[in-house]
Amino acid sequence: MGTVEKTFRKGDLIIKEGHFSNNFYVILEGSVEVVKRKGSGEVRLAVLKEHEFFGEMSLHDPKHSMHSATIRALEETKVTIMSKEDFEKYIGQLTPGVKNLLRKMAIYLRETSQRVDSALEIKDEAGPGQPKEKKSAPQQPSSPDDQTKEKP
């Protein structure tokens, strides 16, 4: 594929959650939203603007090249789309330590994204407006005064 520029209209899906690809995107003009499915709706995770990027996790963590979120244009948005091969040539100029750092950051981001998914599922299971009960250790008093107060 190489590197290409493409313009998306407001509302266009650039990446769809659950789909596979090996491309890296840099926003040249415009803005996009990052959304995640939740039940029959979606949750907005972020808004990205000029000079920000997305799609990097599938390049650094090839075992997980499925997109973890949907990217939708909020307005007319121009992006550069870079293939995995061109991206690797681009970062090939970096030192091995920096490449390793980028790879690990992508893995950590994917793991965090999976934790968010789990948290959203737990909240859904509890029902609307009802937080899921969490088991936690007994709380320690926050001050000496708290220790002397009677509890009802």
C-alpha atoms as a PDB file:
ATOM      1  CA  MET A   1       0.000   0.000   0.000  1.00  0.00           C
ATOM      2  CA  GLY A   2       2.788   2.471   0.830  1.00  0.00           C
ATOM      3  CA  THR A   3       1.889   5.867   2.258  1.00  0.00           C
ATOM      4  CA  VAL A   4      -1.216   7.688   1.047  1.00  0.00           C
ATOM      5  CA  GLU A   5      -3.272  10.693   2.056  1.00  0.00           C
ATOM      6  CA  LYS A   6      -7.028  10.362   2.317  1.00  0.00           C
ATOM      7  CA  THR A   7      -9.833  12.729   3.283  1.00  0.00           C
ATOM      8  CA  PHE A   8     -12.824  11.489   5.278  1.00  0.00           C
ATOM      9  CA  ARG A   9     -16.157  13.288   5.604  1.00  0.00           C
ATOM     10  CA  LYS A  10     -17.847  14.026   8.913  1.00  0.00           C
ATOM     11  CA  GLY A  11     -19.269  10.776  10.304  1.00  0.00           C
ATOM     12  CA  ASP A  12     -17.117   8.474   8.157  1.00  0.00           C
ATOM     13  CA  LEU A  13     -15.674   5.440   9.939  1.00  0.00           C
ATOM     14  CA  ILE A  14     -11.919   5.308   9.497  1.00  0.00           C
ATOM     15  CA  ILE A  15     -11.350   2.239  11.673  1.00  0.00           C
ATOM     16  CA  LYS A  16     -14.017  -0.117  12.974  1.00  0.00           C
ATOM     17  CA  GLU A  17     -13.670  -1.835  16.338  1.00  0.00           C
ATOM     18  CA  GLY A  18     -13.061  -5.553  15.922  1.00  0.00           C
ATOM     19  CA  HIS A  19     -11.664  -5.294  12.389  1.00  0.00           C
ATOM     20  CA  PHE A  20      -8.086  -6.133  11.464  1.00  0.00           C
ATOM     21  CA  SER A  21      -5.513  -3.968   9.722  1.00  0.00           C
ATOM     22  CA  ASN A  22      -1.853  -3.054   9.781  1.00  0.00           C
ATOM     23  CA  ASN A  23      -1.955   0.670   9.088  1.00  0.00           C
ATOM     24  CA  PHE A  24      -0.796   3.713  11.013  1.00  0.00           C
ATOM     25  CA  TYR A  25      -2.731   6.986  10.683  1.00  0.00           C
ATOM     26  CA  VAL A  26      -1.601  10.567  11.306  1.00  0.00           C
ATOM     27  CA  ILE A  27      -4.194  13.347  11.320  1.00  0.00           C
ATOM     28  CA  LEU A  28      -3.134  16.191   9.013  1.00  0.00           C
ATOM     29  CA  GLU A  29      -6.330  18.252   9.287  1.00  0.00           C
ATOM     30  CA  GLY A  30      -9.564  17.852  11.231  1.00  0.00           C
ATOM     31  CA  SER A  31     -10.457  15.680  14.202  1.00  0.00           C
ATOM     32  CA  VAL A  32     -11.725  12.217  15.045  1.00  0.00           C
ATOM     33  CA  GLU A  33     -13.366  10.534  17.994  1.00  0.00           C
ATOM     34  CA  VAL A  34     -12.285   7.234  19.509  1.00  0.00           C
ATOM     35  CA  VAL A  35     -15.329   5.222  20.621  1.00  0.00           C
ATOM     36  CA  LYS A  36     -15.850   1.806  22.133  1.00  0.00           C
ATOM     37  CA  ARG A  37     -18.964  -0.355  21.905  1.00  0.00           C
ATOM     38  CA  LYS A  38     -20.915  -0.703  25.122  1.00  0.00           C
ATOM     39  CA  GLY A  39     -24.077  -2.755  24.921  1.00  0.00           C
ATOM     40  CA  SER A  40     -26.202  -1.260  22.163  1.00  0.00           C
ATOM     41  CA  GLY A  41     -24.412   2.102  22.410  1.00  0.00           C
ATOM     42  CA  GLU A  42     -20.907   3.447  22.554  1.00  0.00           C
ATOM     43  CA  VAL A  43     -18.606   5.310  24.912  1.00  0.00           C
ATOM     44  CA  ARG A  44     -16.336   8.102  23.709  1.00  0.00           C
ATOM     45  CA  LEU A  45     -12.799   7.511  24.925  1.00  0.00           C
ATOM     46  CA  ALA A  46     -10.993  10.421  23.288  1.00  0.00           C
ATOM     47  CA  VAL A  47     -10.958  13.114  20.631  1.00  0.00           C
ATOM     48  CA  LEU A  48      -7.813  13.314  18.497  1.00  0.00           C
ATOM     49  CA  LYS A  49      -6.791  16.376  16.479  1.00  0.00           C
ATOM     50  CA  GLU A  50      -4.112  17.509  14.028  1.00  0.00           C
ATOM     51  CA  HIS A  51      -0.706  15.822  14.400  1.00  0.00           C
ATOM     52  CA  GLU A  52      -2.115  13.066  16.630  1.00  0.00           C
ATOM     53  CA  PHE A  53      -2.172   9.457  15.474  1.00  0.00           C
ATOM     54  CA  PHE A  54      -3.962   6.120  15.812  1.00  0.00           C
ATOM     55  CA  GLY A  55      -3.627   2.526  14.628  1.00  0.00           C
ATOM     56  CA  GLU A  56      -0.233   2.119  16.292  1.00  0.00           C
ATOM     57  CA  MET A  57      -1.192  -0.782  18.550  1.00  0.00           C
ATOM     58  CA  SER A  58      -1.739  -3.154  15.635  1.00  0.00           C
ATOM     59  CA  LEU A  59       1.749  -2.365  14.313  1.00  0.00           C
ATOM     60  CA  HIS A  60       3.663  -2.890  17.551  1.00  0.00           C
ATOM     61  CA  ASP A  61       1.717  -5.871  18.827  1.00  0.00           C
ATOM     62  CA  PRO A  62       1.133  -8.087  15.761  1.00  0.00           C
ATOM     63  CA  LYS A  63      -0.542 -10.828  17.826  1.00  0.00           C
ATOM     64  CA  HIS A  64      -3.349  -8.354  18.451  1.00  0.00           C
ATOM     65  CA  SER A  65      -3.862  -6.510  15.179  1.00  0.00           C
ATOM     66  CA  MET A  66      -7.623  -6.326  15.716  1.00  0.00           C
ATOM     67  CA  HIS A  67      -8.683  -2.740  16.430  1.00  0.00           C
ATOM     68  CA  SER A  68      -9.829  -2.176  20.002  1.00  0.00           C
ATOM     69  CA  ALA A  69     -11.942   0.907  19.189  1.00  0.00           C
ATOM     70  CA  THR A  70     -13.748   2.677  16.369  1.00  0.00           C
ATOM     71  CA  ILE A  71     -12.327   5.893  14.909  1.00  0.00           C
ATOM     72  CA  ARG A  72     -14.903   8.274  13.384  1.00  0.00           C
ATOM     73  CA  ALA A  73     -14.323  11.629  11.670  1.00  0.00           C
ATOM     74  CA  LEU A  74     -15.923  14.508  13.600  1.00  0.00           C
ATOM     75  CA  GLU A  75     -15.481  16.844  10.655  1.00  0.00           C
ATOM     76  CA  GLU A  76     -13.803  16.684   7.276  1.00  0.00           C
ATOM     77  CA  THR A  77     -10.510  15.043   8.222  1.00  0.00           C
ATOM     78  CA  LYS A  78      -7.374  14.465   6.169  1.00  0.00           C
ATOM     79  CA  VAL A  79      -5.011  11.698   7.280  1.00  0.00           C
ATOM     80  CA  THR A  80      -1.788  10.109   6.133  1.00  0.00           C
ATOM     81  CA  ILE A  81      -2.124   6.328   6.084  1.00  0.00           C
ATOM     82  CA  MET A  82       1.132   4.431   6.410  1.00  0.00           C
ATOM     83  CA  SER A  83       1.484   0.703   5.759  1.00  0.00           C
ATOM     84  CA  LYS A  84       3.232  -1.477   8.321  1.00  0.00           C
ATOM     85  CA  GLU A  85       6.219  -1.811   5.986  1.00  0.00           C
ATOM     86  CA  ASP A  86       6.575   1.951   5.540  1.00  0.00           C
ATOM     87  CA  PHE A  87       6.076   2.504   9.255  1.00  0.00           C
ATOM     88  CA  GLU A  88       8.867   0.017   9.989  1.00  0.00           C
ATOM     89  CA  LYS A  89      11.151   1.841   7.536  1.00  0.00           C
ATOM     90  CA  TYR A  90      10.290   5.105   9.262  1.00  0.00           C
ATOM     91  CA  ILE A  91      11.028   3.812  12.759  1.00  0.00           C
ATOM     92  CA  GLY A  92      13.990   1.824  11.439  1.00  0.00           C
ATOM     93  CA  GLN A  93      15.997   4.988  11.994  1.00  0.00           C
ATOM     94  CA  LEU A  94      15.358   4.710  15.749  1.00  0.00           C
ATOM     95  CA  THR A  95      17.661   2.938  18.172  1.00  0.00           C
ATOM     96  CA  PRO A  96      16.730  -0.584  19.310  1.00  0.00           C
ATOM     97  CA  GLY A  97      15.958   0.764  22.799  1.00  0.00           C
ATOM     98  CA  VAL A  98      13.443   3.283  21.481  1.00  0.00           C
ATOM     99  CA  LYS A  99      11.837   0.649  19.233  1.00  0.00           C
ATOM    100  CA  ASN A 100      11.486  -1.659  22.235  1.00  0.00           C
ATOM    101  CA  LEU A 101       9.980   1.190  24.263  1.00  0.00           C
ATOM    102  CA  LEU A 102       7.370   1.837  21.561  1.00  0.00           C
ATOM    103  CA  ARG A 103       6.514  -1.863  21.317  1.00  0.00           C
ATOM    104  CA  LYS A 104       6.100  -2.186  25.091  1.00  0.00           C
ATOM    105  CA  MET A 105       4.000   0.976  25.306  1.00  0.00           C
ATOM    106  CA  ALA A 106       1.645  -0.439  22.669  1.00  0.00           C
ATOM    107  CA  ILE A 107       1.324  -3.667  24.659  1.00  0.00           C
ATOM    108  CA  TYR A 108       0.648  -1.755  27.895  1.00  0.00           C
ATOM    109  CA  LEU A 109      -1.957   0.355  26.097  1.00  0.00           C
ATOM    110  CA  ARG A 110      -3.675  -2.763  24.764  1.00  0.00           C
ATOM    111  CA  GLU A 111      -3.701  -4.300  28.255  1.00  0.00           C
ATOM    112  CA  THR A 112      -5.201  -1.101  29.676  1.00  0.00           C
ATOM    113  CA  SER A 113      -7.809  -1.117  26.937  1.00  0.00           C
ATOM    114  CA  GLN A 114      -8.729  -4.699  27.860  1.00  0.00           C
ATOM    115  CA  ARG A 115      -9.122  -3.638  31.508  1.00  0.00           C
ATOM    116  CA  VAL A 116     -11.458  -0.832  30.415  1.00  0.00           C
ATOM    117  CA  ASP A 117     -13.467  -3.374  28.426  1.00  0.00           C
ATOM    118  CA  SER A 118     -13.758  -5.571  31.526  1.00  0.00           C
ATOM    119  CA  ALA A 119     -14.789  -2.624  33.690  1.00  0.00           C
ATOM    120  CA  LEU A 120     -17.489  -1.627  31.196  1.00  0.00           C
ATOM    121  CA  GLU A 121     -18.793  -5.210  31.162  1.00  0.00           C
ATOM    122  CA  ILE A 122     -18.908  -5.323  34.976  1.00  0.00           C
ATOM    123  CA  LYS A 123     -20.845  -2.067  35.039  1.00  0.00           C
ATOM    124  CA  ASP A 124     -23.296  -3.417  32.427  1.00  0.00           C
ATOM    125  CA  GLU A 125     -23.879  -6.588  34.471  1.00  0.00           C
ATOM    126  CA  ALA A 126     -24.769  -4.509  37.531  1.00  0.00           C
ATOM    127  CA  GLY A 127     -27.551  -2.755  35.653  1.00  0.00           C
ATOM    128  CA  PRO A 128     -28.153   0.927  34.916  1.00  0.00           C
ATOM    129  CA  GLY A 129     -27.079   3.203  37.721  1.00  0.00           C
ATOM    130  CA  GLN A 130     -26.074   0.280  39.944  1.00  0.00           C
ATOM    131  CA  PRO A 131     -22.383  -0.105  40.602  1.00  0.00           C
ATOM    132  CA  LYS A 132     -21.142  -3.664  40.749  1.00  0.00           C
ATOM    133  CA  GLU A 133     -20.096  -4.575  44.283  1.00  0.00           C
ATOM    134  CA  LYS A 134     -16.373  -4.858  44.678  1.00  0.00           C
ATOM    135  CA  LYS A 135     -14.789  -6.924  47.384  1.00  0.00           C
ATOM    136  CA  SER A 136     -12.153  -4.925  49.168  1.00  0.00           C
ATOM    137  CA  ALA A 137     -10.123  -5.053  52.316  1.00  0.00           C
ATOM    138  CA  PRO A 138     -11.585  -3.299  55.367  1.00  0.00           C
ATOM    139  CA  GLN A 139     -10.723   0.361  55.297  1.00  0.00           C
ATOM    140  CA  GLN A 140      -8.293   1.727  57.803  1.00  0.00           C
ATOM    141  CA  PRO A 141      -9.306   4.920  59.622  1.00  0.00           C
ATOM    142  CA  SER A 142      -7.907   7.922  57.817  1.00  0.00           C
ATOM    143  CA  SER A 143      -7.068   9.842  60.993  1.00  0.00           C
ATOM    144  CA  PRO A 144      -6.781   9.187  64.734  1.00  0.00           C
ATOM    145  CA  ASP A 145     -10.109  11.018  65.211  1.00  0.00           C
ATOM    146  CA  ASP A 146     -11.853   8.437  63.029  1.00  0.00           C
ATOM    147  CA  GLN A 147     -10.782   5.689  65.433  1.00  0.00           C
ATOM    148  CA  THR A 148     -12.607   7.238  68.360  1.00  0.00           C
ATOM    149  CA  LYS A 149     -15.933   7.948  66.644  1.00  0.00           C
ATOM    150  CA  GLU A 150     -18.740   5.563  67.365  1.00  0.00           C
ATOM    151  CA  LYS A 151     -20.191   3.734  64.425  1.00  0.00           C
ATOM    152  CA  PRO A 152     -23.979   3.347  64.122  1.00  0.00           C
END
